Amino acid sequence: MNWDTIQGNWKQFKGQAQQNWGELTDDDLDRAEGNREELEGRIQEKYGKTKDEVKEEVDAFIAKL
């Protein structure tokens, strides 16, 4: 699955993202609205991970979808 597909189906993706990253709130995901950089930034803030760690996590998550 590519990011364009995720952007087009953001409402469905939000639920899956929230299951994967439980500390993300609906508000966090609403603010991201399909913007990968925004999503990665919010994950970074909530989990205290590096930019590279989060990018790899998001890539792995997308690959599973």
Protein backbone atom coordinates (compact mmCIF):
# COMPACT_ATOMS: atom_id res chain seq x y z
CA MET A 1 0.00 0.00 0.00
CA ASN A 2 1.31 3.45 -0.79
CA TRP A 3 0.80 6.73 1.02
CA ASP A 4 -1.58 8.12 -1.63
CA THR A 5 -3.96 5.23 -0.90
CA ILE A 6 -3.74 5.93 2.82
CA GLN A 7 -4.53 9.61 2.28
CA GLY A 8 -7.59 8.64 0.24
CA ASN A 9 -8.80 6.28 2.96
CA TRP A 10 -7.68 8.29 5.97
CA LYS A 11 -10.80 7.59 8.05
CA GLN A 12 -10.27 3.83 7.83
CA PHE A 13 -6.53 4.18 8.36
CA LYS A 14 -7.05 6.25 11.51
CA GLY A 15 -8.50 3.29 13.39
CA GLN A 16 -5.66 1.01 12.41
CA ALA A 17 -3.08 3.66 13.31
CA GLN A 18 -4.70 4.19 16.69
CA GLN A 19 -4.56 0.44 17.38
CA ASN A 20 -0.86 0.41 16.46
CA TRP A 21 0.06 3.63 18.28
CA GLY A 22 -2.36 3.64 21.19
CA GLU A 23 -1.09 6.91 22.64
CA LEU A 24 -2.24 8.85 19.58
CA THR A 25 -5.55 10.57 20.18
CA ASP A 26 -8.33 11.21 17.68
CA ASP A 27 -7.22 14.84 17.75
CA ASP A 28 -3.63 13.86 16.85
CA LEU A 29 -4.87 11.84 13.90
CA ASP A 30 -7.36 14.50 12.81
CA ARG A 31 -4.58 17.07 12.74
CA ALA A 32 -2.38 14.79 10.65
CA GLU A 33 -5.22 14.33 8.08
CA GLY A 34 -3.17 12.07 5.82
CA ASN A 35 0.02 14.11 6.09
CA ARG A 36 2.80 11.59 6.71
CA GLU A 37 5.26 14.12 8.16
CA GLU A 38 2.62 15.35 10.61
CA LEU A 39 1.78 11.78 11.65
CA GLU A 40 5.45 10.93 12.13
CA GLY A 41 5.95 14.10 14.19
CA ARG A 42 3.05 13.24 16.47
CA ILE A 43 4.36 9.69 16.96
CA GLN A 44 7.78 11.15 17.76
CA GLU A 45 6.29 13.46 20.39
CA LYS A 46 4.18 10.77 22.05
CA TYR A 47 6.80 8.03 22.11
CA GLY A 48 10.08 9.97 22.32
CA LYS A 49 11.60 8.22 19.34
CA THR A 50 13.99 9.55 16.73
CA LYS A 51 12.82 10.65 13.31
CA ASP A 52 14.52 7.65 11.69
CA GLU A 53 12.95 5.19 14.15
CA VAL A 54 9.49 6.57 13.47
CA LYS A 55 10.00 6.57 9.69
CA GLU A 56 10.98 2.89 9.83
CA GLU A 57 7.99 2.10 12.07
CA VAL A 58 5.56 3.83 9.70
CA ASP A 59 7.13 2.07 6.69
CA ALA A 60 6.76 -1.33 8.43
CA PHE A 61 3.17 -0.52 9.41
CA ILE A 62 2.27 0.44 5.84
CA ALA A 63 3.89 -2.73 4.50
CA LYS A 64 1.59 -4.81 6.76
CA LEU A 65 -1.57 -3.16 5.44
